[in-house]
Protein backbone atom coordinates (compact mmCIF):
# COMPACT_ATOMS: atom_id res chain seq x y z
CA MET A 1 107.03 126.86 90.98
CA ARG A 2 108.82 125.88 87.77
CA ALA A 3 112.09 125.64 89.72
CA MET A 4 110.57 122.62 91.47
CA VAL A 5 110.41 120.51 88.29
CA PRO A 6 114.05 119.26 88.26
CA TRP A 7 113.88 117.80 91.76
CA LEU A 8 110.54 116.21 90.92
CA LEU A 9 112.43 114.03 88.47
CA VAL A 10 113.76 112.22 91.54
CA THR A 11 110.26 111.18 92.51
CA LEU A 12 109.40 110.16 88.96
CA PHE A 13 112.54 108.05 88.81
CA THR A 14 111.73 106.31 92.08
CA VAL A 15 108.11 105.63 91.13
CA SER A 16 109.24 104.04 87.85
CA MET A 17 111.54 101.63 89.72
CA VAL A 18 108.83 100.05 91.90
CA SER A 19 107.17 96.89 90.56
CA ALA A 20 103.56 95.83 90.85
CA CYS A 21 102.51 93.58 93.70
CA GLY A 22 101.85 89.89 93.11
CA ALA A 23 99.24 89.52 95.89
CA ALA A 24 95.69 90.65 95.30
CA PRO A 25 94.91 93.89 97.16
CA ARG A 26 91.89 94.03 99.49
CA GLU A 27 90.62 97.16 97.72
CA PRO A 28 91.23 96.71 93.96
CA GLU A 29 88.92 99.60 93.02
CA LEU A 30 90.81 101.94 95.34
CA ARG A 31 94.06 100.69 93.84
CA SER A 32 92.79 101.52 90.35
CA GLU A 33 91.69 104.96 91.48
CA LEU A 34 95.11 105.68 93.01
CA LEU A 35 96.85 104.60 89.81
CA ARG A 36 94.57 106.87 87.73
CA MET A 37 95.26 109.75 90.11
CA LEU A 38 99.00 109.20 89.78
CA ASP A 39 98.74 109.03 85.99
CA ARG A 40 96.98 112.40 86.00
CA ASP A 41 99.55 113.80 88.44
CA GLN A 42 102.42 112.72 86.21
CA ALA A 43 100.76 114.07 83.07
CA PHE A 44 100.85 117.58 84.53
CA ARG A 45 104.33 117.45 86.08
CA THR A 46 106.03 118.78 82.98
CA MET A 47 107.51 122.10 81.95
CA GLU A 48 104.77 122.43 79.32
CA ALA A 49 101.80 122.17 81.71
CA PRO A 50 100.37 125.50 82.87
CA GLU A 51 101.11 126.02 86.56
CA ALA A 52 97.45 126.78 87.33
CA GLN A 53 96.38 123.43 85.87
CA TRP A 54 99.19 121.62 87.68
CA ARG A 55 98.09 123.18 90.94
CA ARG A 56 94.42 122.26 90.35
CA VAL A 57 95.38 118.62 89.77
CA GLU A 58 97.59 118.61 92.87
CA GLU A 59 94.89 120.19 95.03
CA ALA A 60 92.22 117.78 93.76
CA ASN A 61 94.52 114.81 94.38
CA THR A 62 95.37 116.10 97.86
CA LEU A 63 91.71 116.50 98.74
CA ARG A 64 90.94 112.98 97.57
CA MET A 65 93.98 111.55 99.37
CA LYS A 66 92.78 113.17 102.59
CA GLN A 67 89.43 111.42 102.15
CA ILE A 68 91.17 108.09 101.46
CA VAL A 69 93.47 108.41 104.46
CA ASP A 70 90.55 109.36 106.70
CA ALA A 71 88.55 106.37 105.50
CA TYR A 72 91.28 103.71 105.31
CA GLY A 73 94.39 104.93 107.12
CA TRP A 74 97.59 104.54 105.14
CA PRO A 75 96.91 102.78 101.80
CA GLY A 76 99.55 100.09 102.23
CA TRP A 77 100.46 96.99 100.30
CA SER A 78 97.77 94.80 101.83
CA LEU A 79 95.04 97.31 100.99
CA VAL A 80 96.01 98.45 97.48
CA GLY A 81 99.02 96.38 96.38
CA GLU A 82 102.58 97.62 95.91
CA ASP A 83 101.82 99.79 92.89
CA GLY A 84 98.75 101.30 94.56
CA ALA A 85 100.74 102.01 97.72
CA THR A 86 103.49 103.62 95.64
CA ALA A 87 100.86 105.77 93.94
CA ALA A 88 99.48 106.82 97.34
CA TRP A 89 102.97 107.70 98.55
CA ALA A 90 103.72 109.76 95.44
CA LEU A 91 100.42 111.62 95.73
CA VAL A 92 101.06 112.48 99.38
CA GLN A 93 104.63 113.42 98.51
CA HIS A 94 103.27 115.77 95.84
CA SER A 95 100.83 117.44 98.25
CA ASP A 96 103.29 120.29 98.63
CA PHE A 97 100.56 122.88 99.19
CA ASP A 98 99.43 121.08 102.34
CA LEU A 99 102.35 120.44 104.68
CA GLU A 100 100.06 119.40 107.54
CA PHE A 101 98.64 116.63 105.38
CA GLN A 102 102.13 115.53 104.36
CA ARG A 103 103.05 115.36 108.06
CA LYS A 104 99.96 113.24 108.74
CA GLY A 105 100.84 110.96 105.84
CA LEU A 106 104.40 110.68 107.13
CA ALA A 107 103.20 109.56 110.57
CA LEU A 108 100.81 107.01 109.06
CA MET A 109 103.44 105.74 106.66
CA ARG A 110 105.98 105.32 109.47
CA LYS A 111 103.50 103.05 111.21
CA ALA A 112 102.82 101.11 108.00
CA VAL A 113 106.54 100.59 107.40
CA GLY A 114 106.90 99.37 111.00
CA GLU A 115 104.13 96.86 110.30
CA GLY A 116 105.74 95.70 107.05
CA ASP A 117 102.97 97.24 104.93
CA ALA A 118 104.89 100.01 103.11
CA GLU A 119 108.25 100.61 101.47
CA PRO A 120 111.00 102.03 103.72
CA SER A 121 112.70 103.83 100.83
CA GLU A 122 109.48 105.66 100.00
CA LEU A 123 109.18 106.66 103.65
CA ALA A 124 112.72 108.08 103.39
CA PHE A 125 111.68 110.27 100.46
CA LEU A 126 108.61 111.54 102.31
CA GLU A 127 110.65 112.17 105.46
CA ASP A 128 113.08 114.33 103.50
CA ARG A 129 110.29 116.08 101.60
CA VAL A 130 108.62 117.15 104.85
CA ARG A 131 111.94 118.21 106.38
CA VAL A 132 112.78 120.33 103.34
CA ALA A 133 109.36 122.01 103.51
CA GLU A 134 110.07 122.78 107.16
CA GLY A 135 113.50 124.18 106.30
CA ARG A 136 115.25 121.38 108.19
CA PRO A 137 118.19 119.21 107.07
CA GLN A 138 117.42 116.05 105.14
CA VAL A 139 118.11 112.63 106.63
CA TYR A 140 118.54 110.61 103.43
CA GLY A 141 119.57 113.19 100.82
CA THR A 142 116.65 112.51 98.48
CA GLN A 143 115.56 116.07 97.64
CA TRP A 144 117.73 117.84 95.07
CA GLU A 145 117.34 120.82 92.78
CA MET A 146 119.23 122.49 89.97
CA SER A 147 121.29 125.56 90.86
CA PRO A 148 121.18 128.64 88.60
CA GLU A 149 124.51 127.38 87.21
CA GLY A 150 122.93 124.06 86.21
CA GLU A 151 124.50 121.97 88.97
CA TRP A 152 122.59 119.57 91.23
CA ARG A 153 122.49 120.58 94.89
CA PRO A 154 120.54 119.36 97.93
CA ARG A 155 117.42 121.45 98.58
CA THR A 156 118.48 121.66 102.25
CA PRO A 157 121.71 120.39 103.83
CA ILE A 158 122.04 116.69 104.61
CA GLU A 159 122.16 115.93 108.31
CA ASN A 160 125.42 114.25 109.32
CA GLU A 161 126.33 113.69 105.67
CA ALA A 162 129.26 111.44 106.59
CA ARG A 163 126.71 108.79 107.71
CA VAL A 164 124.05 109.33 105.04
CA ASP A 165 124.91 106.10 103.22
CA GLU A 166 124.37 104.10 106.42
CA ARG A 167 120.89 105.59 106.78
CA ARG A 168 120.17 105.05 103.10
CA ALA A 169 121.23 101.39 103.38
CA GLU A 170 118.92 100.88 106.37
CA ALA A 171 116.06 102.16 104.20
CA GLY A 172 117.04 99.84 101.34
CA MET A 173 118.47 102.64 99.22
CA LYS A 174 121.60 102.90 97.09
CA PRO A 175 124.55 104.99 98.27
CA LEU A 176 124.17 108.71 97.66
CA ARG A 177 126.86 108.83 94.95
CA GLU A 178 124.99 106.18 92.90
CA TYR A 179 121.70 108.00 93.42
CA LEU A 180 123.25 111.24 92.17
CA ARG A 181 124.73 109.46 89.15
CA GLU A 182 121.26 108.12 88.28
CA LEU A 183 119.69 111.52 88.91
CA ARG A 184 122.12 113.16 86.49
CA ASN A 185 121.40 110.48 83.88
CA VAL A 186 117.61 110.88 84.22
CA ALA A 187 117.82 114.66 84.03
CA GLY A 188 119.85 114.62 81.01
């Protein structure tokens, strides 16, 4: 499980780049809860945190996210604001022990993006995360890990890599080479 930590830096980096929403969310208490859940998630996503504790936090967050999704559907911008929606996305993305739930979240998030209620670049990350878990090629090249030699490599191959930057641009993302440069800078 510790091998997962380097590629989690990608998610942390993305979450830190999203700004808070200016419009008031319909469910401010839910927004606050999601932000607290994400804070707890991030506190345990370190090399120092015991894996058992990390897993307990992830499982508790996944259980609560399932309840939220069942009650509200996808927690999009209109419901919980941009920062609350980003927290929801990150929590679903980190539900690695429950691929079926990630798939459900992916379907709901696709719909929300289509309705202009969620961030396309976050959807791209979740799409790749699910594909990697399924052992399939990535579409956007968002999921990377450190090789035993200390080099960054994609967790699964990138589908039609020659056109990855076109797909990234459509999702509002930087070209892959810039993303990798930032990833290397964040990691150290």
